[in-house]
Full PDB file with SEQRES, HELIX, SHEET, SSBOND, CRYST1, ORIGX, SCALE, CONECT and MASTER records, all heavy atoms in Angstrom:
SEQRES   1 A   34  ILE LYS VAL VAL VAL LEU LYS LEU VAL SER GLY GLU GLU          
SEQRES   2 A   34  VAL LEU ALA LYS LEU GLU ARG GLU ASP ASP THR PHE LEU          
SEQRES   3 A   34  VAL VAL SER LYS PRO MET VAL VAL                              
SHEET    1 AA1 3 VAL A   3  LYS A   7  0                                        
SHEET    2 AA1 3 GLU A  13  GLU A  21 -1                                        
SHEET    3 AA1 3 LEU A  26  VAL A  33 -1                                        
CRYST1    1.000    1.000    1.000  90.00  90.00  90.00 P 1           1          
ORIGX1      1.000000  0.000000  0.000000        0.00000                         
ORIGX2      0.000000  1.000000  0.000000        0.00000                         
ORIGX3      0.000000  0.000000  1.000000        0.00000                         
SCALE1      1.000000  0.000000  0.000000        0.00000                         
SCALE2      0.000000  1.000000  0.000000        0.00000                         
SCALE3      0.000000  0.000000  1.000000        0.00000                         
ATOM      1  N   ILE A   1     159.934 106.323 128.031  1.00  0.00           N  
ATOM      2  CA  ILE A   1     160.643 105.317 128.826  1.00  0.00           C  
ATOM      3  C   ILE A   1     162.007 105.865 129.221  1.00  0.00           C  
ATOM      4  O   ILE A   1     162.745 106.361 128.392  1.00  0.00           O  
ATOM      5  CB  ILE A   1     160.818 104.008 128.016  1.00  0.00           C  
ATOM      6  CG1 ILE A   1     159.456 103.401 127.709  1.00  0.00           C  
ATOM      7  CG2 ILE A   1     161.671 103.024 128.776  1.00  0.00           C  
ATOM      8  CD1 ILE A   1     159.510 102.233 126.753  1.00  0.00           C  
ATOM      9  N   LYS A   2     162.314 105.783 130.515  1.00  0.00           N  
ATOM     10  CA  LYS A   2     163.610 106.247 131.021  1.00  0.00           C  
ATOM     11  C   LYS A   2     164.459 104.996 131.319  1.00  0.00           C  
ATOM     12  O   LYS A   2     164.144 104.255 132.282  1.00  0.00           O  
ATOM     13  CB  LYS A   2     163.407 107.100 132.247  1.00  0.00           C  
ATOM     14  CG  LYS A   2     164.653 107.426 133.012  1.00  0.00           C  
ATOM     15  CD  LYS A   2     165.385 108.577 132.383  1.00  0.00           C  
ATOM     16  CE  LYS A   2     166.510 108.977 133.328  1.00  0.00           C  
ATOM     17  NZ  LYS A   2     167.314 110.003 132.818  1.00  0.00           N  
ATOM     18  N   VAL A   3     165.433 104.723 130.485  1.00  0.00           N  
ATOM     19  CA  VAL A   3     166.324 103.592 130.696  1.00  0.00           C  
ATOM     20  C   VAL A   3     167.585 104.105 131.375  1.00  0.00           C  
ATOM     21  O   VAL A   3     168.125 105.143 130.957  1.00  0.00           O  
ATOM     22  CB  VAL A   3     166.675 102.897 129.362  1.00  0.00           C  
ATOM     23  CG1 VAL A   3     167.690 101.757 129.582  1.00  0.00           C  
ATOM     24  CG2 VAL A   3     165.417 102.353 128.690  1.00  0.00           C  
ATOM     25  N   VAL A   4     168.004 103.404 132.412  1.00  0.00           N  
ATOM     26  CA  VAL A   4     169.236 103.799 133.145  1.00  0.00           C  
ATOM     27  C   VAL A   4     170.185 102.626 133.218  1.00  0.00           C  
ATOM     28  O   VAL A   4     169.786 101.464 133.123  1.00  0.00           O  
ATOM     29  CB  VAL A   4     168.880 104.299 134.562  1.00  0.00           C  
ATOM     30  CG1 VAL A   4     168.087 105.579 134.503  1.00  0.00           C  
ATOM     31  CG2 VAL A   4     168.181 103.251 135.390  1.00  0.00           C  
ATOM     32  N   VAL A   5     171.446 102.951 133.422  1.00  0.00           N  
ATOM     33  CA  VAL A   5     172.437 101.956 133.707  1.00  0.00           C  
ATOM     34  C   VAL A   5     172.918 102.239 135.139  1.00  0.00           C  
ATOM     35  O   VAL A   5     173.195 103.363 135.510  1.00  0.00           O  
ATOM     36  CB  VAL A   5     173.599 101.965 132.672  1.00  0.00           C  
ATOM     37  CG1 VAL A   5     174.294 103.276 132.632  1.00  0.00           C  
ATOM     38  CG2 VAL A   5     174.594 100.869 132.998  1.00  0.00           C  
ATOM     39  N   LEU A   6     172.921 101.180 135.942  1.00  0.00           N  
ATOM     40  CA  LEU A   6     173.305 101.278 137.344  1.00  0.00           C  
ATOM     41  C   LEU A   6     174.569 100.466 137.562  1.00  0.00           C  
ATOM     42  O   LEU A   6     174.656  99.319 137.118  1.00  0.00           O  
ATOM     43  CB  LEU A   6     172.193 100.720 138.263  1.00  0.00           C  
ATOM     44  CG  LEU A   6     170.811 101.296 138.078  1.00  0.00           C  
ATOM     45  CD1 LEU A   6     169.822 100.468 138.892  1.00  0.00           C  
ATOM     46  CD2 LEU A   6     170.782 102.736 138.501  1.00  0.00           C  
ATOM     47  N   LYS A   7     175.531 101.054 138.244  1.00  0.00           N  
ATOM     48  CA  LYS A   7     176.728 100.295 138.675  1.00  0.00           C  
ATOM     49  C   LYS A   7     176.531 100.048 140.173  1.00  0.00           C  
ATOM     50  O   LYS A   7     176.395 101.015 140.960  1.00  0.00           O  
ATOM     51  CB  LYS A   7     177.998 101.107 138.411  1.00  0.00           C  
ATOM     52  CG  LYS A   7     179.248 100.318 138.708  1.00  0.00           C  
ATOM     53  CD  LYS A   7     179.433  99.159 137.744  1.00  0.00           C  
ATOM     54  CE  LYS A   7     180.830  98.569 137.913  1.00  0.00           C  
ATOM     55  NZ  LYS A   7     181.083  97.552 136.904  1.00  0.00           N  
ATOM     56  N   LEU A   8     176.434  98.798 140.557  1.00  0.00           N  
ATOM     57  CA  LEU A   8     176.160  98.437 141.951  1.00  0.00           C  
ATOM     58  C   LEU A   8     177.442  98.141 142.701  1.00  0.00           C  
ATOM     59  O   LEU A   8     178.487  97.853 142.092  1.00  0.00           O  
ATOM     60  CB  LEU A   8     175.248  97.196 142.000  1.00  0.00           C  
ATOM     61  CG  LEU A   8     173.933  97.302 141.223  1.00  0.00           C  
ATOM     62  CD1 LEU A   8     173.147  96.009 141.400  1.00  0.00           C  
ATOM     63  CD2 LEU A   8     173.130  98.509 141.676  1.00  0.00           C  
ATOM     64  N   VAL A   9     177.400  98.229 144.018  1.00  0.00           N  
ATOM     65  CA  VAL A   9     178.591  97.952 144.846  1.00  0.00           C  
ATOM     66  C   VAL A   9     179.082  96.526 144.652  1.00  0.00           C  
ATOM     67  O   VAL A   9     180.238  96.242 144.922  1.00  0.00           O  
ATOM     68  CB  VAL A   9     178.322  98.270 146.353  1.00  0.00           C  
ATOM     69  CG1 VAL A   9     178.058  99.746 146.568  1.00  0.00           C  
ATOM     70  CG2 VAL A   9     177.217  97.419 146.920  1.00  0.00           C  
ATOM     71  N   SER A  10     178.237  95.639 144.201  1.00  0.00           N  
ATOM     72  CA  SER A  10     178.603  94.241 143.947  1.00  0.00           C  
ATOM     73  C   SER A  10     179.480  94.122 142.689  1.00  0.00           C  
ATOM     74  O   SER A  10     180.021  93.065 142.430  1.00  0.00           O  
ATOM     75  CB  SER A  10     177.363  93.381 143.772  1.00  0.00           C  
ATOM     76  OG  SER A  10     176.629  93.844 142.614  1.00  0.00           O  
ATOM     77  N   GLY A  11     179.559  95.203 141.891  1.00  0.00           N  
ATOM     78  CA  GLY A  11     180.299  95.175 140.644  1.00  0.00           C  
ATOM     79  C   GLY A  11     179.398  94.968 139.424  1.00  0.00           C  
ATOM     80  O   GLY A  11     179.855  95.122 138.300  1.00  0.00           O  
ATOM     81  N   GLU A  12     178.166  94.591 139.665  1.00  0.00           N  
ATOM     82  CA  GLU A  12     177.254  94.358 138.552  1.00  0.00           C  
ATOM     83  C   GLU A  12     176.894  95.667 137.853  1.00  0.00           C  
ATOM     84  O   GLU A  12     176.770  96.705 138.499  1.00  0.00           O  
ATOM     85  CB  GLU A  12     175.938  93.700 139.064  1.00  0.00           C  
ATOM     86  CG  GLU A  12     176.135  92.302 139.569  1.00  0.00           C  
ATOM     87  CD  GLU A  12     174.881  91.787 140.256  1.00  0.00           C  
ATOM     88  OE1 GLU A  12     174.410  92.468 141.161  1.00  0.00           O  
ATOM     89  OE2 GLU A  12     174.407  90.723 139.851  1.00  0.00           O  
ATOM     90  N   GLU A  13     176.715  95.573 136.551  1.00  0.00           N  
ATOM     91  CA  GLU A  13     176.214  96.705 135.764  1.00  0.00           C  
ATOM     92  C   GLU A  13     174.836  96.299 135.280  1.00  0.00           C  
ATOM     93  O   GLU A  13     174.678  95.256 134.621  1.00  0.00           O  
ATOM     94  CB  GLU A  13     177.157  96.961 134.572  1.00  0.00           C  
ATOM     95  CG  GLU A  13     176.839  98.233 133.837  1.00  0.00           C  
ATOM     96  CD  GLU A  13     177.915  98.549 132.810  1.00  0.00           C  
ATOM     97  OE1 GLU A  13     179.116  98.345 133.101  1.00  0.00           O  
ATOM     98  OE2 GLU A  13     177.540  98.991 131.696  1.00  0.00           O  
ATOM     99  N   VAL A  14     173.807  97.079 135.628  1.00  0.00           N  
ATOM    100  CA  VAL A  14     172.429  96.703 135.387  1.00  0.00           C  
ATOM    101  C   VAL A  14     171.768  97.774 134.510  1.00  0.00           C  
ATOM    102  O   VAL A  14     171.840  98.963 134.808  1.00  0.00           O  
ATOM    103  CB  VAL A  14     171.657  96.584 136.709  1.00  0.00           C  
ATOM    104  CG1 VAL A  14     170.179  96.253 136.474  1.00  0.00           C  
ATOM    105  CG2 VAL A  14     172.285  95.511 137.609  1.00  0.00           C  
ATOM    106  N   LEU A  15     171.108  97.310 133.441  1.00  0.00           N  
ATOM    107  CA  LEU A  15     170.245  98.175 132.642  1.00  0.00           C  
ATOM    108  C   LEU A  15     168.814  97.925 133.053  1.00  0.00           C  
ATOM    109  O   LEU A  15     168.411  96.751 133.262  1.00  0.00           O  
ATOM    110  CB  LEU A  15     170.389  97.835 131.155  1.00  0.00           C  
ATOM    111  CG  LEU A  15     171.650  98.325 130.482  1.00  0.00           C  
ATOM    112  CD1 LEU A  15     171.884  97.546 129.178  1.00  0.00           C  
ATOM    113  CD2 LEU A  15     171.575  99.801 130.219  1.00  0.00           C  
ATOM    114  N   ALA A  16     168.021  98.983 133.209  1.00  0.00           N  
ATOM    115  CA  ALA A  16     166.625  98.815 133.648  1.00  0.00           C  
ATOM    116  C   ALA A  16     165.823 100.025 133.276  1.00  0.00           C  
ATOM    117  O   ALA A  16     166.363 101.113 132.963  1.00  0.00           O  
ATOM    118  CB  ALA A  16     166.580  98.633 135.165  1.00  0.00           C  
ATOM    119  N   LYS A  17     164.521  99.857 133.302  1.00  0.00           N  
ATOM    120  CA  LYS A  17     163.584 100.970 133.117  1.00  0.00           C  
ATOM    121  C   LYS A  17     163.375 101.593 134.512  1.00  0.00           C  
ATOM    122  O   LYS A  17     162.941 100.897 135.424  1.00  0.00           O  
ATOM    123  CB  LYS A  17     162.263 100.509 132.551  1.00  0.00           C  
ATOM    124  CG  LYS A  17     162.374  99.991 131.126  1.00  0.00           C  
ATOM    125  CD  LYS A  17     161.006  99.546 130.623  1.00  0.00           C  
ATOM    126  CE  LYS A  17     161.114  98.938 129.245  1.00  0.00           C  
ATOM    127  NZ  LYS A  17     159.789  98.486 128.778  1.00  0.00           N  
ATOM    128  N   LEU A  18     163.650 102.883 134.659  1.00  0.00           N  
ATOM    129  CA  LEU A  18     163.433 103.567 135.928  1.00  0.00           C  
ATOM    130  C   LEU A  18     161.970 103.964 135.993  1.00  0.00           C  
ATOM    131  O   LEU A  18     161.502 104.785 135.195  1.00  0.00           O  
ATOM    132  CB  LEU A  18     164.344 104.794 136.046  1.00  0.00           C  
ATOM    133  CG  LEU A  18     164.208 105.580 137.333  1.00  0.00           C  
ATOM    134  CD1 LEU A  18     164.600 104.744 138.544  1.00  0.00           C  
ATOM    135  CD2 LEU A  18     165.036 106.860 137.262  1.00  0.00           C  
ATOM    136  N   GLU A  19     161.265 103.403 136.947  1.00  0.00           N  
ATOM    137  CA  GLU A  19     159.826 103.677 137.110  1.00  0.00           C  
ATOM    138  C   GLU A  19     159.620 104.899 138.008  1.00  0.00           C  
ATOM    139  O   GLU A  19     158.786 105.745 137.725  1.00  0.00           O  
ATOM    140  CB  GLU A  19     159.098 102.449 137.654  1.00  0.00           C  
ATOM    141  CG  GLU A  19     159.201 101.195 136.778  1.00  0.00           C  
ATOM    142  CD  GLU A  19     158.505 101.387 135.444  1.00  0.00           C  
ATOM    143  OE1 GLU A  19     157.612 102.236 135.283  1.00  0.00           O  
ATOM    144  OE2 GLU A  19     158.848 100.594 134.496  1.00  0.00           O  
ATOM    145  N   ARG A  20     160.330 104.924 139.112  1.00  0.00           N  
ATOM    146  CA  ARG A  20     160.249 106.017 140.085  1.00  0.00           C  
ATOM    147  C   ARG A  20     161.362 105.836 141.094  1.00  0.00           C  
ATOM    148  O   ARG A  20     162.021 104.814 141.158  1.00  0.00           O  
ATOM    149  CB  ARG A  20     158.877 106.076 140.741  1.00  0.00           C  
ATOM    150  CG  ARG A  20     158.508 104.876 141.550  1.00  0.00           C  
ATOM    151  CD  ARG A  20     157.017 104.889 141.957  1.00  0.00           C  
ATOM    152  NE  ARG A  20     156.679 103.656 142.631  1.00  0.00           N  
ATOM    153  CZ  ARG A  20     156.406 102.507 142.019  1.00  0.00           C  
ATOM    154  NH1 ARG A  20     156.442 102.415 140.710  1.00  0.00           N  
ATOM    155  NH2 ARG A  20     156.075 101.410 142.708  1.00  0.00           N  
ATOM    156  N   GLU A  21     161.513 106.849 141.954  1.00  0.00           N  
ATOM    157  CA  GLU A  21     162.478 106.722 143.053  1.00  0.00           C  
ATOM    158  C   GLU A  21     161.967 107.535 144.258  1.00  0.00           C  
ATOM    159  O   GLU A  21     161.164 108.433 144.102  1.00  0.00           O  
ATOM    160  CB  GLU A  21     163.865 107.183 142.626  1.00  0.00           C  
ATOM    161  CG  GLU A  21     163.993 108.645 142.237  1.00  0.00           C  
ATOM    162  CD  GLU A  21     165.415 108.966 141.821  1.00  0.00           C  
ATOM    163  OE1 GLU A  21     166.319 108.963 142.695  1.00  0.00           O  
ATOM    164  OE2 GLU A  21     165.607 109.277 140.651  1.00  0.00           O  
ATOM    165  N   ASP A  22     162.462 107.124 145.422  1.00  0.00           N  
ATOM    166  CA  ASP A  22     162.185 107.895 146.617  1.00  0.00           C  
ATOM    167  C   ASP A  22     163.509 108.079 147.347  1.00  0.00           C  
ATOM    168  O   ASP A  22     164.545 107.869 146.741  1.00  0.00           O  
ATOM    169  CB  ASP A  22     161.110 107.210 147.472  1.00  0.00           C  
ATOM    170  CG  ASP A  22     161.474 105.815 147.963  1.00  0.00           C  
ATOM    171  OD1 ASP A  22     162.706 105.524 148.096  1.00  0.00           O  
ATOM    172  OD2 ASP A  22     160.576 104.995 148.172  1.00  0.00           O  
ATOM    173  N   ASP A  23     163.472 108.459 148.600  1.00  0.00           N  
ATOM    174  CA  ASP A  23     164.703 108.740 149.329  1.00  0.00           C  
ATOM    175  C   ASP A  23     165.552 107.484 149.545  1.00  0.00           C  
ATOM    176  O   ASP A  23     166.750 107.582 149.728  1.00  0.00           O  
ATOM    177  CB  ASP A  23     164.365 109.362 150.708  1.00  0.00           C  
ATOM    178  CG  ASP A  23     163.805 110.771 150.570  1.00  0.00           C  
ATOM    179  OD1 ASP A  23     164.028 111.397 149.525  1.00  0.00           O  
ATOM    180  OD2 ASP A  23     163.150 111.224 151.509  1.00  0.00           O  
ATOM    181  N   THR A  24     164.928 106.305 149.530  1.00  0.00           N  
ATOM    182  CA  THR A  24     165.618 105.078 149.875  1.00  0.00           C  
ATOM    183  C   THR A  24     165.842 104.137 148.698  1.00  0.00           C  
ATOM    184  O   THR A  24     166.873 103.468 148.629  1.00  0.00           O  
ATOM    185  CB  THR A  24     164.830 104.321 150.965  1.00  0.00           C  
ATOM    186  OG1 THR A  24     164.553 105.214 152.032  1.00  0.00           O  
ATOM    187  CG2 THR A  24     165.593 103.132 151.503  1.00  0.00           C  
ATOM    188  N   PHE A  25     164.881 104.064 147.766  1.00  0.00           N  
ATOM    189  CA  PHE A  25     164.921 103.078 146.708  1.00  0.00           C  
ATOM    190  C   PHE A  25     164.812 103.682 145.321  1.00  0.00           C  
ATOM    191  O   PHE A  25     164.150 104.694 145.107  1.00  0.00           O  
ATOM    192  CB  PHE A  25     163.767 102.079 146.866  1.00  0.00           C  
ATOM    193  CG  PHE A  25     163.878 101.208 148.073  1.00  0.00           C  
ATOM    194  CD1 PHE A  25     163.130 101.462 149.207  1.00  0.00           C  
ATOM    195  CD2 PHE A  25     164.707 100.105 148.077  1.00  0.00           C  
ATOM    196  CE1 PHE A  25     163.200 100.661 150.312  1.00  0.00           C  
ATOM    197  CE2 PHE A  25     164.821  99.295 149.200  1.00  0.00           C  
ATOM    198  CZ  PHE A  25     164.062  99.572 150.306  1.00  0.00           C  
ATOM    199  N   LEU A  26     165.439 102.990 144.368  1.00  0.00           N  
ATOM    200  CA  LEU A  26     165.146 103.170 142.939  1.00  0.00           C  
ATOM    201  C   LEU A  26     164.187 102.038 142.591  1.00  0.00           C  
ATOM    202  O   LEU A  26     164.469 100.887 142.878  1.00  0.00           O  
ATOM    203  CB  LEU A  26     166.399 103.028 142.091  1.00  0.00           C  
ATOM    204  CG  LEU A  26     167.477 104.062 142.314  1.00  0.00           C  
ATOM    205  CD1 LEU A  26     168.740 103.693 141.515  1.00  0.00           C  
ATOM    206  CD2 LEU A  26     167.005 105.445 141.920  1.00  0.00           C  
ATOM    207  N   VAL A  27     163.057 102.361 142.021  1.00  0.00           N  
ATOM    208  CA  VAL A  27     162.089 101.342 141.616  1.00  0.00           C  
ATOM    209  C   VAL A  27     162.256 101.179 140.112  1.00  0.00           C  
ATOM    210  O   VAL A  27     162.044 102.123 139.328  1.00  0.00           O  
ATOM    211  CB  VAL A  27     160.649 101.748 141.984  1.00  0.00           C  
ATOM    212  CG1 VAL A  27     159.672 100.658 141.564  1.00  0.00           C  
ATOM    213  CG2 VAL A  27     160.540 102.021 143.504  1.00  0.00           C  
ATOM    214  N   VAL A  28     162.647  99.958 139.694  1.00  0.00           N  
ATOM    215  CA  VAL A  28     162.912  99.672 138.298  1.00  0.00           C  
ATOM    216  C   VAL A  28     162.075  98.490 137.810  1.00  0.00           C  
ATOM    217  O   VAL A  28     161.588  97.695 138.628  1.00  0.00           O  
ATOM    218  CB  VAL A  28     164.417  99.415 138.056  1.00  0.00           C  
ATOM    219  CG1 VAL A  28     165.265 100.596 138.477  1.00  0.00           C  
ATOM    220  CG2 VAL A  28     164.890  98.160 138.767  1.00  0.00           C  
ATOM    221  N   SER A  29     162.001  98.348 136.492  1.00  0.00           N  
ATOM    222  CA  SER A  29     161.372  97.174 135.907  1.00  0.00           C  
ATOM    223  C   SER A  29     162.329  96.661 134.817  1.00  0.00           C  
ATOM    224  O   SER A  29     163.156  97.397 134.295  1.00  0.00           O  
ATOM    225  CB  SER A  29     159.991  97.505 135.312  1.00  0.00           C  
ATOM    226  OG  SER A  29     160.103  98.442 134.303  1.00  0.00           O  
ATOM    227  N   LYS A  30     162.170  95.381 134.508  1.00  0.00           N  
ATOM    228  CA  LYS A  30     162.944  94.706 133.473  1.00  0.00           C  
ATOM    229  C   LYS A  30     164.449  94.870 133.621  1.00  0.00           C  
ATOM    230  O   LYS A  30     165.145  95.201 132.643  1.00  0.00           O  
ATOM    231  CB  LYS A  30     162.470  95.138 132.092  1.00  0.00           C  
ATOM    232  CG  LYS A  30     160.992  94.864 131.863  1.00  0.00           C  
ATOM    233  CD  LYS A  30     160.586  95.061 130.429  1.00  0.00           C  
ATOM    234  CE  LYS A  30     159.113  94.856 130.250  1.00  0.00           C  
ATOM    235  NZ  LYS A  30     158.643  93.524 130.145  1.00  0.00           N  
ATOM    236  N   PRO A  31     164.981  94.644 134.801  1.00  0.00           N  
ATOM    237  CA  PRO A  31     166.436  94.801 134.988  1.00  0.00           C  
ATOM    238  C   PRO A  31     167.221  93.675 134.307  1.00  0.00           C  
ATOM    239  O   PRO A  31     166.810  92.487 134.390  1.00  0.00           O  
ATOM    240  CB  PRO A  31     166.623  94.762 136.522  1.00  0.00           C  
ATOM    241  CG  PRO A  31     165.475  93.928 136.992  1.00  0.00           C  
ATOM    242  CD  PRO A  31     164.327  94.251 136.070  1.00  0.00           C  
ATOM    243  N   MET A  32     168.283  94.011 133.656  1.00  0.00           N  
ATOM    244  CA  MET A  32     169.128  93.052 132.985  1.00  0.00           C  
ATOM    245  C   MET A  32     170.590  93.373 133.336  1.00  0.00           C  
ATOM    246  O   MET A  32     170.990  94.521 133.333  1.00  0.00           O  
ATOM    247  CB  MET A  32     168.986  93.132 131.450  1.00  0.00           C  
ATOM    248  CG  MET A  32     167.555  92.911 130.949  1.00  0.00           C  
ATOM    249  SD  MET A  32     167.021  91.216 131.110  1.00  0.00           S  
ATOM    250  CE  MET A  32     167.750  90.518 129.665  1.00  0.00           C  
ATOM    251  N   VAL A  33     171.365  92.319 133.600  1.00  0.00           N  
ATOM    252  CA  VAL A  33     172.787  92.477 133.939  1.00  0.00           C  
ATOM    253  C   VAL A  33     173.604  92.412 132.687  1.00  0.00           C  
ATOM    254  O   VAL A  33     173.388  91.529 131.828  1.00  0.00           O  
ATOM    255  CB  VAL A  33     173.245  91.370 134.941  1.00  0.00           C  
ATOM    256  CG1 VAL A  33     174.739  91.470 135.207  1.00  0.00           C  
ATOM    257  CG2 VAL A  33     172.457  91.451 136.220  1.00  0.00           C  
ATOM    258  N   VAL A  34     174.541  93.344 132.537  1.00  0.00           N  
ATOM    259  CA  VAL A  34     175.456  93.361 131.400  1.00  0.00           C  
ATOM    260  C   VAL A  34     176.570  92.355 131.684  1.00  0.00           C  
ATOM    261  O   VAL A  34     177.197  92.423 132.753  1.00  0.00           O  
ATOM    262  CB  VAL A  34     176.048  94.762 131.166  1.00  0.00           C  
ATOM    263  CG1 VAL A  34     177.045  94.768 130.033  1.00  0.00           C  
ATOM    264  CG2 VAL A  34     174.947  95.802 130.958  1.00  0.00           C  
TER     265      VAL A  34                                                      
MASTER        0    0    0    0    3    0    0    6  264    1    0    3          
END                                                                             
């Protein structure tokens, strides 16, 4: 399982499982906001 923390332009900090990514999107599951 690859867990990542994302800091979004909205200011939210999100923990999620990174499922895959492409040129445009990060595809995650079980995202939770800190």
